[in-house]
PDB file of N, CA and C in Angstrom:
ATOM      1  N   MET A   1     -25.327  61.868   8.921  1.00  0.00           N
ATOM      2  CA  MET A   1     -26.192  61.348   9.957  1.00  0.00           C
ATOM      3  C   MET A   1     -26.112  62.274  11.165  1.00  0.00           C
ATOM      4  N   ASP A   2     -27.257  62.571  11.732  1.00  0.00           N
ATOM      5  CA  ASP A   2     -27.325  63.437  12.902  1.00  0.00           C
ATOM      6  C   ASP A   2     -27.353  62.605  14.179  1.00  0.00           C
ATOM      7  N   PHE A   3     -26.800  63.187  15.235  1.00  0.00           N
ATOM      8  CA  PHE A   3     -26.765  62.529  16.535  1.00  0.00           C
ATOM      9  C   PHE A   3     -27.259  63.494  17.601  1.00  0.00           C
ATOM     10  N   TYR A   4     -27.987  62.953  18.564  1.00  0.00           N
ATOM     11  CA  TYR A   4     -28.432  63.702  19.726  1.00  0.00           C
ATOM     12  C   TYR A   4     -27.626  63.203  20.920  1.00  0.00           C
ATOM     13  N   LEU A   5     -27.072  64.127  21.718  1.00  0.00           N
ATOM     14  CA  LEU A   5     -26.329  63.748  22.918  1.00  0.00           C
ATOM     15  C   LEU A   5     -27.230  63.900  24.137  1.00  0.00           C
ATOM     16  N   THR A   6     -27.334  62.843  24.924  1.00  0.00           N
ATOM     17  CA  THR A   6     -28.075  62.939  26.172  1.00  0.00           C
ATOM     18  C   THR A   6     -27.327  63.861  27.133  1.00  0.00           C
ATOM     19  N   HIS A   7     -28.034  64.300  28.151  1.00  0.00           N
ATOM     20  CA  HIS A   7     -27.402  65.126  29.182  1.00  0.00           C
ATOM     21  C   HIS A   7     -26.232  64.367  29.805  1.00  0.00           C
ATOM     22  N   HIS A   8     -26.420  63.080  30.033  1.00  0.00           N
ATOM     23  CA  HIS A   8     -25.349  62.256  30.603  1.00  0.00           C
ATOM     24  C   HIS A   8     -24.118  62.256  29.699  1.00  0.00           C
ATOM     25  N   ALA A   9     -24.317  62.091  28.385  1.00  0.00           N
ATOM     26  CA  ALA A   9     -23.187  62.079  27.449  1.00  0.00           C
ATOM     27  C   ALA A   9     -22.454  63.420  27.473  1.00  0.00           C
ATOM     28  N   GLU A  10     -23.203  64.510  27.529  1.00  0.00           N
ATOM     29  CA  GLU A  10     -22.593  65.846  27.617  1.00  0.00           C
ATOM     30  C   GLU A  10     -21.739  65.968  28.882  1.00  0.00           C
ATOM     31  N   GLN A  11     -22.270  65.488  29.996  1.00  0.00           N
ATOM     32  CA  GLN A  11     -21.528  65.532  31.261  1.00  0.00           C
ATOM     33  C   GLN A  11     -20.260  64.694  31.185  1.00  0.00           C
ATOM     34  N   GLU A  12     -20.354  63.527  30.570  1.00  0.00           N
ATOM     35  CA  GLU A  12     -19.191  62.629  30.478  1.00  0.00           C
ATOM     36  C   GLU A  12     -18.090  63.226  29.609  1.00  0.00           C
ATOM     37  N   LEU A  13     -18.461  63.936  28.558  1.00  0.00           N
ATOM     38  CA  LEU A  13     -17.451  64.624  27.740  1.00  0.00           C
ATOM     39  C   LEU A  13     -16.606  65.544  28.608  1.00  0.00           C
ATOM     40  N   LYS A  14     -17.270  66.321  29.443  1.00  0.00           N
ATOM     41  CA  LYS A  14     -16.564  67.262  30.309  1.00  0.00           C
ATOM     42  C   LYS A  14     -15.790  66.543  31.401  1.00  0.00           C
ATOM     43  N   ARG A  15     -16.450  65.623  32.073  1.00  0.00           N
ATOM     44  CA  ARG A  15     -15.831  64.928  33.205  1.00  0.00           C
ATOM     45  C   ARG A  15     -14.599  64.135  32.787  1.00  0.00           C
ATOM     46  N   ARG A  16     -14.652  63.527  31.620  1.00  0.00           N
ATOM     47  CA  ARG A  16     -13.557  62.681  31.147  1.00  0.00           C
ATOM     48  C   ARG A  16     -12.567  63.434  30.257  1.00  0.00           C
ATOM     49  N   ASP A  17     -12.808  64.736  30.117  1.00  0.00           N
ATOM     50  CA  ASP A  17     -11.904  65.614  29.364  1.00  0.00           C
ATOM     51  C   ASP A  17     -11.684  65.120  27.926  1.00  0.00           C
ATOM     52  N   ILE A  18     -12.809  64.855  27.240  1.00  0.00           N
ATOM     53  CA  ILE A  18     -12.758  64.429  25.842  1.00  0.00           C
ATOM     54  C   ILE A  18     -13.195  65.615  24.992  1.00  0.00           C
ATOM     55  N   PRO A  19     -12.316  66.119  24.131  1.00  0.00           N
ATOM     56  CA  PRO A  19     -12.713  67.238  23.270  1.00  0.00           C
ATOM     57  C   PRO A  19     -13.877  66.837  22.363  1.00  0.00           C
ATOM     58  N   ARG A  20     -14.830  67.737  22.204  1.00  0.00           N
ATOM     59  CA  ARG A  20     -15.991  67.450  21.365  1.00  0.00           C
ATOM     60  C   ARG A  20     -15.569  67.109  19.937  1.00  0.00           C
ATOM     61  N   ILE A  21     -14.489  67.709  19.454  1.00  0.00           N
ATOM     62  CA  ILE A  21     -14.022  67.415  18.101  1.00  0.00           C
ATOM     63  C   ILE A  21     -13.656  65.936  17.960  1.00  0.00           C
ATOM     64  N   PHE A  22     -13.141  65.338  19.039  1.00  0.00           N
ATOM     65  CA  PHE A  22     -12.821  63.903  19.005  1.00  0.00           C
ATOM     66  C   PHE A  22     -14.099  63.075  18.911  1.00  0.00           C
ATOM     67  N   LEU A  23     -15.111  63.453  19.684  1.00  0.00           N
ATOM     68  CA  LEU A  23     -16.384  62.742  19.614  1.00  0.00           C
ATOM     69  C   LEU A  23     -16.977  62.870  18.213  1.00  0.00           C
ATOM     70  N   ASN A  24     -16.950  64.069  17.654  1.00  0.00           N
ATOM     71  CA  ASN A  24     -17.481  64.268  16.307  1.00  0.00           C
ATOM     72  C   ASN A  24     -16.754  63.393  15.289  1.00  0.00           C
ATOM     73  N   ARG A  25     -15.451  63.280  15.437  1.00  0.00           N
ATOM     74  CA  ARG A  25     -14.660  62.442  14.527  1.00  0.00           C
ATOM     75  C   ARG A  25     -15.083  60.973  14.641  1.00  0.00           C
ATOM     76  N   VAL A  26     -15.282  60.519  15.858  1.00  0.00           N
ATOM     77  CA  VAL A  26     -15.692  59.126  16.077  1.00  0.00           C
ATOM     78  C   VAL A  26     -17.081  58.878  15.494  1.00  0.00           C
ATOM     79  N   LEU A  27     -17.993  59.811  15.682  1.00  0.00           N
ATOM     80  CA  LEU A  27     -19.348  59.623  15.192  1.00  0.00           C
ATOM     81  C   LEU A  27     -19.435  59.712  13.669  1.00  0.00           C
ATOM     82  N   ARG A  28     -18.678  60.602  13.073  1.00  0.00           N
ATOM     83  CA  ARG A  28     -18.748  60.803  11.615  1.00  0.00           C
ATOM     84  C   ARG A  28     -17.952  59.754  10.838  1.00  0.00           C
ATOM     85  N   ASN A  29     -16.848  59.299  11.428  1.00  0.00           N
ATOM     86  CA  ASN A  29     -15.980  58.371  10.707  1.00  0.00           C
ATOM     87  C   ASN A  29     -15.325  57.381  11.683  1.00  0.00           C
ATOM     88  N   PRO A  30     -16.112  56.505  12.301  1.00  0.00           N
ATOM     89  CA  PRO A  30     -15.548  55.570  13.283  1.00  0.00           C
ATOM     90  C   PRO A  30     -14.644  54.535  12.612  1.00  0.00           C
ATOM     91  N   GLN A  31     -13.584  54.166  13.314  1.00  0.00           N
ATOM     92  CA  GLN A  31     -12.728  53.085  12.814  1.00  0.00           C
ATOM     93  C   GLN A  31     -13.457  51.750  12.935  1.00  0.00           C
ATOM     94  N   GLN A  32     -14.317  51.638  13.940  1.00  0.00           N
ATOM     95  CA  GLN A  32     -15.111  50.420  14.125  1.00  0.00           C
ATOM     96  C   GLN A  32     -16.479  50.780  14.696  1.00  0.00           C
ATOM     97  N   ILE A  33     -17.453  49.949  14.362  1.00  0.00           N
ATOM     98  CA  ILE A  33     -18.766  49.987  15.007  1.00  0.00           C
ATOM     99  C   ILE A  33     -19.038  48.559  15.452  1.00  0.00           C
ATOM    100  N   VAL A  34     -19.203  48.372  16.760  1.00  0.00           N
ATOM    101  CA  VAL A  34     -19.407  47.031  17.297  1.00  0.00           C
ATOM    102  C   VAL A  34     -20.704  46.976  18.087  1.00  0.00           C
ATOM    103  N   ASP A  35     -21.344  45.829  18.058  1.00  0.00           N
ATOM    104  CA  ASP A  35     -22.590  45.631  18.793  1.00  0.00           C
ATOM    105  C   ASP A  35     -22.320  45.609  20.288  1.00  0.00           C
ATOM    106  N   GLU A  36     -23.228  46.226  21.026  1.00  0.00           N
ATOM    107  CA  GLU A  36     -23.195  46.234  22.479  1.00  0.00           C
ATOM    108  C   GLU A  36     -24.514  45.666  22.977  1.00  0.00           C
ATOM    109  N   ARG A  37     -24.723  45.655  24.274  1.00  0.00           N
ATOM    110  CA  ARG A  37     -25.972  45.119  24.827  1.00  0.00           C
ATOM    111  C   ARG A  37     -27.118  46.106  24.634  1.00  0.00           C
ATOM    112  N   ASP A  38     -28.323  45.634  24.836  1.00  0.00           N
ATOM    113  CA  ASP A  38     -29.538  46.448  24.738  1.00  0.00           C
ATOM    114  C   ASP A  38     -29.714  47.076  23.358  1.00  0.00           C
ATOM    115  N   ASP A  39     -29.315  46.358  22.314  1.00  0.00           N
ATOM    116  CA  ASP A  39     -29.468  46.835  20.935  1.00  0.00           C
ATOM    117  C   ASP A  39     -28.763  48.161  20.675  1.00  0.00           C
ATOM    118  N   ARG A  40     -27.704  48.399  21.391  1.00  0.00           N
ATOM    119  CA  ARG A  40     -26.899  49.609  21.169  1.00  0.00           C
ATOM    120  C   ARG A  40     -25.609  49.223  20.473  1.00  0.00           C
ATOM    121  N   ARG A  41     -24.959  50.236  19.906  1.00  0.00           N
ATOM    122  CA  ARG A  41     -23.706  49.987  19.205  1.00  0.00           C
ATOM    123  C   ARG A  41     -22.654  50.955  19.716  1.00  0.00           C
ATOM    124  N   ALA A  42     -21.413  50.499  19.716  1.00  0.00           N
ATOM    125  CA  ALA A  42     -20.292  51.341  20.122  1.00  0.00           C
ATOM    126  C   ALA A  42     -19.568  51.812  18.872  1.00  0.00           C
ATOM    127  N   TYR A  43     -19.532  53.125  18.687  1.00  0.00           N
ATOM    128  CA  TYR A  43     -18.725  53.735  17.642  1.00  0.00           C
ATOM    129  C   TYR A  43     -17.392  54.020  18.312  1.00  0.00           C
ATOM    130  N   GLN A  44     -16.301  53.537  17.732  1.00  0.00           N
ATOM    131  CA  GLN A  44     -15.027  53.686  18.416  1.00  0.00           C
ATOM    132  C   GLN A  44     -13.884  53.933  17.451  1.00  0.00           C
ATOM    133  N   SER A  45     -12.910  54.713  17.951  1.00  0.00           N
ATOM    134  CA  SER A  45     -11.697  55.028  17.192  1.00  0.00           C
ATOM    135  C   SER A  45     -10.550  55.230  18.158  1.00  0.00           C
ATOM    136  N   GLN A  46      -9.350  54.905  17.698  1.00  0.00           N
ATOM    137  CA  GLN A  46      -8.143  55.153  18.473  1.00  0.00           C
ATOM    138  C   GLN A  46      -7.663  56.561  18.129  1.00  0.00           C
ATOM    139  N   ILE A  47      -7.503  57.392  19.161  1.00  0.00           N
ATOM    140  CA  ILE A  47      -7.156  58.795  18.955  1.00  0.00           C
ATOM    141  C   ILE A  47      -6.011  59.180  19.883  1.00  0.00           C
ATOM    142  N   GLU A  48      -5.059  59.948  19.336  1.00  0.00           N
ATOM    143  CA  GLU A  48      -3.954  60.456  20.144  1.00  0.00           C
ATOM    144  C   GLU A  48      -4.385  61.754  20.826  1.00  0.00           C
ATOM    145  N   PHE A  49      -4.263  61.791  22.146  1.00  0.00           N
ATOM    146  CA  PHE A  49      -4.614  62.974  22.931  1.00  0.00           C
ATOM    147  C   PHE A  49      -3.404  63.887  23.081  1.00  0.00           C
ATOM    148  N   ALA A  50      -3.622  65.050  23.643  1.00  0.00           N
ATOM    149  CA  ALA A  50      -2.569  66.071  23.764  1.00  0.00           C
ATOM    150  C   ALA A  50      -1.350  65.569  24.526  1.00  0.00           C
ATOM    151  N   ASN A  51      -1.545  64.620  25.432  1.00  0.00           N
ATOM    152  CA  ASN A  51      -0.416  64.092  26.202  1.00  0.00           C
ATOM    153  C   ASN A  51       0.422  63.096  25.402  1.00  0.00           C
ATOM    154  N   GLY A  52       0.060  62.859  24.127  1.00  0.00           N
ATOM    155  CA  GLY A  52       0.801  61.947  23.265  1.00  0.00           C
ATOM    156  C   GLY A  52       0.381  60.493  23.401  1.00  0.00           C
ATOM    157  N   LYS A  53      -0.570  60.218  24.273  1.00  0.00           N
ATOM    158  CA  LYS A  53      -1.022  58.852  24.504  1.00  0.00           C
ATOM    159  C   LYS A  53      -2.239  58.541  23.630  1.00  0.00           C
ATOM    160  N   ILE A  54      -2.279  57.301  23.135  1.00  0.00           N
ATOM    161  CA  ILE A  54      -3.396  56.839  22.317  1.00  0.00           C
ATOM    162  C   ILE A  54      -4.469  56.257  23.245  1.00  0.00           C
ATOM    163  N   TYR A  55      -5.704  56.708  23.073  1.00  0.00           N
ATOM    164  CA  TYR A  55      -6.850  56.187  23.804  1.00  0.00           C
ATOM    165  C   TYR A  55      -7.889  55.704  22.803  1.00  0.00           C
ATOM    166  N   LEU A  56      -8.696  54.772  23.238  1.00  0.00           N
ATOM    167  CA  LEU A  56      -9.855  54.359  22.464  1.00  0.00           C
ATOM    168  C   LEU A  56     -11.025  55.201  22.948  1.00  0.00           C
ATOM    169  N   VAL A  57     -11.597  55.974  22.051  1.00  0.00           N
ATOM    170  CA  VAL A  57     -12.776  56.779  22.381  1.00  0.00           C
ATOM    171  C   VAL A  57     -13.987  55.997  21.902  1.00  0.00           C
ATOM    172  N   ARG A  58     -14.909  55.744  22.838  1.00  0.00           N
ATOM    173  CA  ARG A  58     -16.105  54.947  22.534  1.00  0.00           C
ATOM    174  C   ARG A  58     -17.356  55.771  22.811  1.00  0.00           C
ATOM    175  N   ALA A  59     -18.232  55.813  21.836  1.00  0.00           N
ATOM    176  CA  ALA A  59     -19.532  56.459  21.989  1.00  0.00           C
ATOM    177  C   ALA A  59     -20.582  55.365  21.878  1.00  0.00           C
ATOM    178  N   ILE A  60     -21.379  55.203  22.914  1.00  0.00           N
ATOM    179  CA  ILE A  60     -22.433  54.194  22.909  1.00  0.00           C
ATOM    180  C   ILE A  60     -23.691  54.852  22.343  1.00  0.00           C
ATOM    181  N   VAL A  61     -24.179  54.278  21.233  1.00  0.00           N
ATOM    182  CA  VAL A  61     -25.235  54.924  20.450  1.00  0.00           C
ATOM    183  C   VAL A  61     -26.472  54.024  20.372  1.00  0.00           C
ATOM    184  N   ASP A  62     -27.619  54.643  20.589  1.00  0.00           N
ATOM    185  CA  ASP A  62     -28.905  53.983  20.382  1.00  0.00           C
ATOM    186  C   ASP A  62     -29.361  54.366  18.975  1.00  0.00           C
ATOM    187  N   GLU A  63     -29.300  53.416  18.050  1.00  0.00           N
ATOM    188  CA  GLU A  63     -29.655  53.675  16.661  1.00  0.00           C
ATOM    189  C   GLU A  63     -31.144  53.499  16.395  1.00  0.00           C
ATOM    190  N   GLU A  64     -31.910  53.156  17.431  1.00  0.00           N
ATOM    191  CA  GLU A  64     -33.349  52.967  17.274  1.00  0.00           C
ATOM    192  C   GLU A  64     -34.106  54.289  17.363  1.00  0.00           C
ATOM    193  N   THR A  65     -33.412  55.370  17.650  1.00  0.00           N
ATOM    194  CA  THR A  65     -34.044  56.676  17.782  1.00  0.00           C
ATOM    195  C   THR A  65     -33.727  57.531  16.560  1.00  0.00           C
ATOM    196  N   GLU A  66     -34.515  58.566  16.371  1.00  0.00           N
ATOM    197  CA  GLU A  66     -34.273  59.502  15.278  1.00  0.00           C
ATOM    198  C   GLU A  66     -34.268  60.912  15.841  1.00  0.00           C
ATOM    199  N   PRO A  67     -33.147  61.613  15.852  1.00  0.00           N
ATOM    200  CA  PRO A  67     -31.859  61.138  15.380  1.00  0.00           C
ATOM    201  C   PRO A  67     -31.252  60.114  16.343  1.00  0.00           C
ATOM    202  N   ASN A  68     -30.208  59.437  15.895  1.00  0.00           N
ATOM    203  CA  ASN A  68     -29.521  58.476  16.758  1.00  0.00           C
ATOM    204  C   ASN A  68     -29.056  59.182  18.021  1.00  0.00           C
ATOM    205  N   THR A  69     -29.140  58.471  19.167  1.00  0.00           N
ATOM    206  CA  THR A  69     -28.838  59.075  20.461  1.00  0.00           C
ATOM    207  C   THR A  69     -27.533  58.539  21.033  1.00  0.00           C
ATOM    208  N   VAL A  70     -26.622  59.457  21.371  1.00  0.00           N
ATOM    209  CA  VAL A  70     -25.396  59.092  22.073  1.00  0.00           C
ATOM    210  C   VAL A  70     -25.745  59.019  23.551  1.00  0.00           C
ATOM    211  N   VAL A  71     -25.692  57.802  24.089  1.00  0.00           N
ATOM    212  CA  VAL A  71     -26.086  57.567  25.474  1.00  0.00           C
ATOM    213  C   VAL A  71     -24.965  57.943  26.429  1.00  0.00           C
ATOM    214  N   THR A  72     -23.744  57.569  26.075  1.00  0.00           N
ATOM    215  CA  THR A  72     -22.576  57.914  26.887  1.00  0.00           C
ATOM    216  C   THR A  72     -21.345  57.899  25.996  1.00  0.00           C
ATOM    217  N   VAL A  73     -20.277  58.466  26.507  1.00  0.00           N
ATOM    218  CA  VAL A  73     -19.010  58.492  25.795  1.00  0.00           C
ATOM    219  C   VAL A  73     -17.887  58.385  26.825  1.00  0.00           C
ATOM    220  N   TYR A  74     -16.839  57.668  26.459  1.00  0.00           N
ATOM    221  CA  TYR A  74     -15.690  57.570  27.357  1.00  0.00           C
ATOM    222  C   TYR A  74     -14.443  57.220  26.573  1.00  0.00           C
ATOM    223  N   ARG A  75     -13.301  57.362  27.230  1.00  0.00           N
ATOM    224  CA  ARG A  75     -12.031  56.963  26.634  1.00  0.00           C
ATOM    225  C   ARG A  75     -11.384  55.944  27.558  1.00  0.00           C
ATOM    226  N   THR A  76     -10.608  55.070  26.943  1.00  0.00           N
ATOM    227  CA  THR A  76      -9.931  54.042  27.731  1.00  0.00           C
ATOM    228  C   THR A  76      -8.568  53.749  27.121  1.00  0.00           C
ATOM    229  N   SER A  77      -7.625  53.428  27.978  1.00  0.00           N
ATOM    230  CA  SER A  77      -6.306  53.000  27.500  1.00  0.00           C
ATOM    231  C   SER A  77      -6.277  51.488  27.299  1.00  0.00           C
ATOM    232  N   ARG A  78      -7.336  50.806  27.707  1.00  0.00           N
ATOM    233  CA  ARG A  78      -7.412  49.348  27.569  1.00  0.00           C
ATOM    234  C   ARG A  78      -8.003  48.990  26.202  1.00  0.00           C
ATOM    235  N   ILE A  79      -7.284  49.371  25.173  1.00  0.00           N
ATOM    236  CA  ILE A  79      -7.767  49.224  23.801  1.00  0.00           C
ATOM    237  C   ILE A  79      -8.053  47.769  23.465  1.00  0.00           C
ATOM    238  N   SER A  80      -7.182  46.873  23.852  1.00  0.00           N
ATOM    239  CA  SER A  80      -7.349  45.458  23.476  1.00  0.00           C
ATOM    240  C   SER A  80      -8.621  44.833  24.068  1.00  0.00           C
ATOM    241  N   LYS A  81      -9.136  45.416  25.129  1.00  0.00           N
ATOM    242  CA  LYS A  81     -10.359  44.896  25.744  1.00  0.00           C
ATOM    243  C   LYS A  81     -11.571  45.092  24.817  1.00  0.00           C
ATOM    244  N   TYR A  82     -11.572  46.166  24.041  1.00  0.00           N
ATOM    245  CA  TYR A  82     -12.739  46.514  23.237  1.00  0.00           C
ATOM    246  C   TYR A  82     -12.524  46.404  21.734  1.00  0.00           C
ATOM    247  N   TRP A  83     -11.268  46.451  21.293  1.00  0.00           N
ATOM    248  CA  TRP A  83     -10.988  46.439  19.864  1.00  0.00           C
ATOM    249  C   TRP A  83     -11.262  45.063  19.278  1.00  0.00           C
ATOM    250  N   ARG A  84     -11.975  45.016  18.178  1.00  0.00           N
ATOM    251  CA  ARG A  84     -12.328  43.752  17.541  1.00  0.00           C
ATOM    252  C   ARG A  84     -11.485  43.549  16.293  1.00  0.00           C
ATOM    253  N   ALA A  85     -10.872  42.373  16.182  1.00  0.00           N
ATOM    254  CA  ALA A  85     -10.103  42.067  14.981  1.00  0.00           C
ATOM    255  C   ALA A  85     -11.027  42.016  13.773  1.00  0.00           C
ATOM    256  N   ASP A  86     -12.243  41.489  13.969  1.00  0.00           N
ATOM    257  CA  ASP A  86     -13.258  41.416  12.917  1.00  0.00           C
ATOM    258  C   ASP A  86     -14.547  42.013  13.440  1.00  0.00           C
ATOM    259  N   PRO A  87     -14.710  43.354  13.322  1.00  0.00           N
ATOM    260  CA  PRO A  87     -15.901  43.999  13.912  1.00  0.00           C
ATOM    261  C   PRO A  87     -17.187  43.590  13.238  1.00  0.00           C
TER     262      PRO A  87
END
């Protein structure tokens, strides 16, 4: 599946210091895909960063477009806030 990154998503990758390889991993093989508002979905995976800390990397995707559009991407240490026991 192909994905298009918006300019905003590209900026957020840099601003939040998320390696593109991590985003690619989340998009190609997410641990979870959960529904979000506005008919978007969050592709998310728990990933260990260089500092040894585990973060949840979330890519908010609009699946109504072709190719699917990554609207934004971010990482958070508040994994329990977003992780679903039954996605």
